[in-house]
């Protein structure tokens, strides 16, 4: 490509084992970097600024999604998580060679594995997707706290152990 441009990034929604969203209405949001639309468990981010690479376009979107995921985890708990998994990007050539069609789109396929298991859990059902946070930006400390809380719960740590670690992290990292 002579002049690649990322038009869109597409992410799939993954819900935690104890969260169900029943017939959610679409969610739309807009930042300085992109317009987001979440419909039927697919989040589409239309980029406002020029990004010649998928990696560059994903940076602001991934930061936005991590803050949203952490906000939901703090409100509903780690088993009731809202997660986003990158699916593919739509990239065009803004200056195609004369023999090419005016727009060339590249789609990157994704493979998925399926595993099934049975368990009984309390279930939270929502009538819509949780709203993206407007002023919440996950700092490094908050990201570390969120990861430690998830890991601690998965490893069966007591609440007091997790609280001690998160307090220590808050005081240790500027």
Protein backbone atom coordinates (compact mmCIF):
# COMPACT_ATOMS: atom_id res chain seq x y z
CA UNK A 1 0.00 0.00 0.00
CA UNK A 2 1.20 3.46 -0.84
CA UNK A 3 -0.75 5.32 1.84
CA UNK A 4 -2.45 2.93 4.30
CA UNK A 5 -5.16 4.35 6.54
CA UNK A 6 -7.01 2.54 9.33
CA UNK A 7 -10.69 3.36 8.90
CA UNK A 8 -12.18 1.06 11.53
CA UNK A 9 -11.25 -1.27 14.35
CA UNK A 10 -13.68 -4.05 15.24
CA UNK A 11 -13.85 -5.69 18.68
CA UNK A 12 -16.05 -8.51 19.98
CA UNK A 13 -17.69 -8.34 23.40
CA UNK A 14 -16.94 -11.11 25.89
CA UNK A 15 -19.08 -11.33 29.00
CA UNK A 16 -18.03 -12.90 32.29
CA UNK A 17 -19.62 -16.16 33.35
CA UNK A 18 -22.09 -14.42 35.64
CA UNK A 19 -23.19 -11.54 33.42
CA UNK A 20 -25.89 -11.63 30.77
CA UNK A 21 -27.15 -8.67 28.78
CA UNK A 22 -30.64 -9.19 27.42
CA UNK A 23 -31.63 -7.38 24.19
CA UNK A 24 -29.36 -4.38 24.77
CA UNK A 25 -29.98 -1.18 22.86
CA UNK A 26 -27.02 0.15 20.86
CA UNK A 27 -24.41 2.19 22.72
CA UNK A 28 -22.68 5.09 21.01
CA UNK A 29 -19.84 7.26 22.24
CA UNK A 30 -17.39 9.71 20.74
CA UNK A 31 -13.96 10.98 21.72
CA UNK A 32 -11.39 13.15 19.98
CA UNK A 33 -9.89 9.98 18.47
CA UNK A 34 -12.89 7.92 17.32
CA UNK A 35 -16.62 7.28 17.13
CA UNK A 36 -17.73 4.06 18.84
CA UNK A 37 -20.87 2.04 18.20
CA UNK A 38 -21.66 -1.15 20.14
CA UNK A 39 -24.39 -3.30 18.55
CA UNK A 40 -25.05 -7.03 18.97
CA UNK A 41 -21.82 -7.68 20.88
CA UNK A 42 -19.67 -5.98 18.22
CA UNK A 43 -17.92 -2.68 18.95
CA UNK A 44 -16.92 -0.67 15.88
CA UNK A 45 -14.49 2.22 16.25
CA UNK A 46 -14.37 4.65 13.31
CA UNK A 47 -11.10 6.51 13.51
CA UNK A 48 -11.24 10.31 13.22
CA UNK A 49 -7.49 10.81 12.85
CA UNK A 50 -5.07 9.31 10.35
CA UNK A 51 -3.36 6.13 11.55
CA UNK A 52 -1.18 4.36 8.98
CA UNK A 53 -0.90 1.22 11.12
CA UNK A 54 -3.29 -0.98 13.04
CA UNK A 55 -0.99 -0.80 16.07
CA UNK A 56 -1.09 3.00 16.15
CA UNK A 57 -4.88 3.10 15.80
CA UNK A 58 -5.35 0.54 18.57
CA UNK A 59 -3.49 2.54 21.26
CA UNK A 60 -6.25 5.09 22.06
CA UNK A 61 -9.01 2.50 21.56
CA UNK A 62 -7.34 -0.08 23.83
CA UNK A 63 -6.83 2.52 26.58
CA UNK A 64 -10.52 3.47 26.33
CA UNK A 65 -11.61 -0.18 26.48
CA UNK A 66 -9.34 -1.04 29.45
CA UNK A 67 -10.86 1.85 31.42
CA UNK A 68 -14.37 0.64 30.53
CA UNK A 69 -13.55 -2.96 31.50
CA UNK A 70 -12.03 -1.87 34.82
CA UNK A 71 -15.00 0.37 35.59
CA UNK A 72 -17.42 -2.54 35.03
CA UNK A 73 -15.24 -4.94 37.08
CA UNK A 74 -15.21 -2.51 40.00
CA UNK A 75 -19.00 -2.05 39.84
CA UNK A 76 -20.09 -5.67 39.26
CA UNK A 77 -17.16 -7.93 40.27
CA UNK A 78 -14.62 -9.98 38.32
CA UNK A 79 -17.03 -12.79 37.31
CA UNK A 80 -19.43 -10.23 35.92
CA UNK A 81 -16.93 -8.68 33.57
CA UNK A 82 -17.37 -6.91 30.29
CA UNK A 83 -14.40 -7.62 28.04
CA UNK A 84 -13.41 -6.67 24.51
CA UNK A 85 -11.34 -8.80 22.15
CA UNK A 86 -9.82 -7.33 19.01
CA UNK A 87 -11.32 -8.95 15.91
CA UNK A 88 -10.04 -7.11 12.84
CA UNK A 89 -9.35 -3.77 11.21
CA UNK A 90 -10.47 -2.21 7.95
CA UNK A 91 -7.53 -0.53 6.24
CA UNK A 92 -7.70 1.35 2.97
CA UNK A 93 -5.02 2.66 0.64
CA UNK A 94 -5.55 6.41 0.28
CA UNK A 95 -3.21 6.49 -2.74
CA UNK A 96 -3.72 3.20 -4.61
CA UNK A 97 -1.76 2.35 -7.74
CA UNK A 98 -3.65 3.18 -10.98
CA UNK A 99 -4.50 -0.47 -11.65
CA UNK A 100 -6.07 -1.01 -8.22
CA UNK A 101 -9.67 -0.32 -7.32
CA UNK A 102 -10.15 3.04 -5.53
CA UNK A 103 -10.48 1.38 -2.11
CA UNK A 104 -8.82 -1.80 -0.97
CA UNK A 105 -9.93 -3.25 2.35
CA UNK A 106 -7.92 -5.77 4.33
CA UNK A 107 -9.66 -8.02 6.82
CA UNK A 108 -7.63 -10.09 9.23
CA UNK A 109 -9.31 -13.42 10.10
CA UNK A 110 -9.43 -14.57 13.71
CA UNK A 111 -9.61 -18.15 14.96
CA UNK A 112 -11.48 -19.11 18.10
CA UNK A 113 -11.50 -22.19 20.31
CA UNK A 114 -14.62 -23.40 22.07
CA UNK A 115 -14.66 -25.23 25.36
CA UNK A 116 -17.69 -26.16 27.40
CA UNK A 117 -18.05 -26.69 31.16
CA UNK A 118 -20.88 -26.78 33.66
CA UNK A 119 -21.13 -24.86 36.91
CA UNK A 120 -23.75 -23.13 39.02
CA UNK A 121 -23.31 -19.37 39.53
CA UNK A 122 -25.33 -16.34 40.54
CA UNK A 123 -26.21 -14.45 37.39
CA UNK A 124 -26.57 -10.70 36.85
CA UNK A 125 -28.82 -9.78 33.93
CA UNK A 126 -28.75 -6.28 32.54
CA UNK A 127 -31.13 -4.76 30.03
CA UNK A 128 -28.31 -2.88 28.30
CA UNK A 129 -24.55 -2.64 28.08
CA UNK A 130 -22.89 -0.76 30.93
CA UNK A 131 -22.25 2.83 29.87
CA UNK A 132 -18.62 3.73 29.08
CA UNK A 133 -17.07 5.93 31.78
CA UNK A 134 -16.76 9.58 30.76
CA UNK A 135 -14.03 10.79 33.11
CA UNK A 136 -12.46 7.54 34.23
CA UNK A 137 -9.02 6.77 32.85
CA UNK A 138 -7.27 3.71 34.21
CA UNK A 139 -3.90 4.81 35.58
CA UNK A 140 -1.05 2.33 35.87
CA UNK A 141 -1.83 1.86 39.58
CA UNK A 142 -5.52 1.22 38.88
CA UNK A 143 -4.64 -1.27 36.14
CA UNK A 144 -2.27 -3.09 38.52
CA UNK A 145 -4.89 -3.08 41.28
CA UNK A 146 -7.51 -4.50 38.92
CA UNK A 147 -5.15 -7.21 37.70
CA UNK A 148 -4.11 -8.12 41.27
CA UNK A 149 -7.73 -8.31 42.42
CA UNK A 150 -8.59 -10.63 39.51
CA UNK A 151 -5.50 -12.80 40.08
CA UNK A 152 -6.07 -12.90 43.83
CA UNK A 153 -9.66 -14.04 43.43
CA UNK A 154 -8.66 -16.68 40.88
CA UNK A 155 -5.98 -18.00 43.27
CA UNK A 156 -8.38 -18.05 46.22
CA UNK A 157 -6.66 -15.28 48.22
CA UNK A 158 -8.54 -13.77 51.12
CA UNK A 159 -10.03 -10.32 50.79
CA UNK A 160 -7.66 -8.94 53.43
CA UNK A 161 -4.60 -10.21 51.49
CA UNK A 162 -5.85 -8.51 48.31
CA UNK A 163 -6.65 -5.29 50.20
CA UNK A 164 -3.16 -5.21 51.76
CA UNK A 165 -1.54 -5.63 48.37
CA UNK A 166 -3.64 -2.92 46.71
CA UNK A 167 -2.97 -0.51 49.59
CA UNK A 168 0.77 -1.21 49.33
CA UNK A 169 0.62 -0.65 45.54
CA UNK A 170 -1.19 2.68 46.02
CA UNK A 171 1.44 3.92 48.43
CA UNK A 172 4.47 2.51 46.57
CA UNK A 173 3.82 3.70 43.02
CA UNK A 174 3.73 7.47 42.42
